[in-house]
Amino acid sequence: MNYCYMLRCADGSLYTGWTTDPQRRLRAHNAGRGAKYTRSRRPVALVYVEECATKEVAMSREWHLKHLTKEEKEALVAGERQ
């Protein structure tokens, strides 16, 4: 299974990515082995996970989420579907 996810960084920003294992990826981000963006914004917390059928679907969903406004991302994290 593949997943699209969002992390809340220590500075309050949101980071979006995709993975096959959200918990492993969260540990990597918090260990400084994740994305360059999150390295200086640790610790990060997993605030949103969406299951996707394929890698391609997860990558497409990631692209879509990255193009949402901050307000739209916050609404999604709060449980409002986007």
Protein backbone atom coordinates (compact mmCIF):
# COMPACT_ATOMS: atom_id res chain seq x y z
CA MET A 1 0.00 0.00 0.00
CA ASN A 2 1.07 3.58 -0.63
CA TYR A 3 0.21 6.67 1.36
CA CYS A 4 0.12 10.42 0.99
CA TYR A 5 0.82 12.21 4.27
CA MET A 6 1.23 15.59 5.91
CA LEU A 7 3.52 16.49 8.77
CA ARG A 8 3.23 19.45 11.10
CA CYS A 9 6.68 20.93 11.61
CA ALA A 10 7.87 22.59 14.82
CA ASP A 11 7.44 26.01 13.18
CA GLY A 12 3.77 25.25 12.42
CA SER A 13 4.26 24.69 8.69
CA LEU A 14 2.92 21.62 6.89
CA TYR A 15 5.04 19.26 4.80
CA THR A 16 3.44 16.88 2.29
CA GLY A 17 4.94 13.67 0.93
CA TRP A 18 4.20 10.09 -0.04
CA THR A 19 5.53 6.79 1.29
CA THR A 20 4.86 3.07 1.65
CA ASP A 21 5.22 3.24 5.46
CA PRO A 22 4.09 6.44 7.22
CA GLN A 23 5.52 5.56 10.66
CA ARG A 24 8.93 4.64 9.24
CA ARG A 25 8.95 7.84 7.21
CA LEU A 26 8.01 9.89 10.30
CA ARG A 27 10.94 8.38 12.19
CA ALA A 28 13.24 9.22 9.28
CA HIS A 29 12.06 12.84 9.20
CA ASN A 30 12.56 13.20 12.96
CA ALA A 31 16.03 11.63 12.72
CA GLY A 32 17.07 14.21 10.13
CA ARG A 33 17.08 11.71 7.27
CA GLY A 34 13.83 12.94 5.74
CA ALA A 35 13.37 15.81 3.37
CA LYS A 36 15.70 18.79 3.49
CA TYR A 37 12.70 20.97 4.34
CA THR A 38 11.97 19.12 7.58
CA ARG A 39 15.58 18.80 8.80
CA SER A 40 15.64 22.30 10.26
CA ARG A 41 12.01 22.18 11.41
CA ARG A 42 12.09 19.22 13.78
CA PRO A 43 10.38 17.69 15.57
CA VAL A 44 7.60 16.89 13.13
CA ALA A 45 4.28 15.18 13.84
CA LEU A 46 2.15 13.10 11.49
CA VAL A 47 -1.18 14.94 11.16
CA TYR A 48 -2.72 13.43 8.02
CA VAL A 49 -2.47 10.09 6.20
CA GLU A 50 -4.39 9.03 3.11
CA GLU A 51 -4.22 5.49 1.75
CA CYS A 52 -3.66 5.22 -2.02
CA ALA A 53 -3.96 2.15 -4.22
CA THR A 54 -0.74 2.69 -6.20
CA LYS A 55 2.47 4.69 -6.12
CA GLU A 56 1.22 6.76 -9.03
CA VAL A 57 -2.01 7.63 -7.21
CA ALA A 58 -0.05 8.59 -4.08
CA MET A 59 2.31 10.79 -6.08
CA SER A 60 -0.61 12.44 -7.88
CA ARG A 61 -2.41 13.08 -4.60
CA GLU A 62 0.80 14.51 -3.11
CA TRP A 63 1.05 16.93 -6.05
CA HIS A 64 -2.59 17.94 -5.54
CA LEU A 65 -2.14 18.52 -1.80
CA LYS A 66 1.02 20.55 -2.31
CA HIS A 67 -0.95 22.96 -4.47
CA LEU A 68 -3.65 23.61 -1.86
CA THR A 69 -3.54 26.82 0.13
CA LYS A 70 -2.46 26.70 3.77
CA GLU A 71 -6.11 27.18 4.78
CA GLU A 72 -7.23 24.28 2.58
CA LYS A 73 -4.50 22.05 4.03
CA GLU A 74 -5.53 23.00 7.58
CA ALA A 75 -9.16 22.14 6.74
CA LEU A 76 -8.07 18.75 5.42
CA VAL A 77 -6.06 18.07 8.59
CA ALA A 78 -9.11 19.08 10.62
CA GLY A 79 -11.16 16.42 8.84
CA GLU A 80 -12.82 18.42 6.11
CA ARG A 81 -12.45 16.63 2.76
CA GLN A 82 -10.65 18.48 -0.07
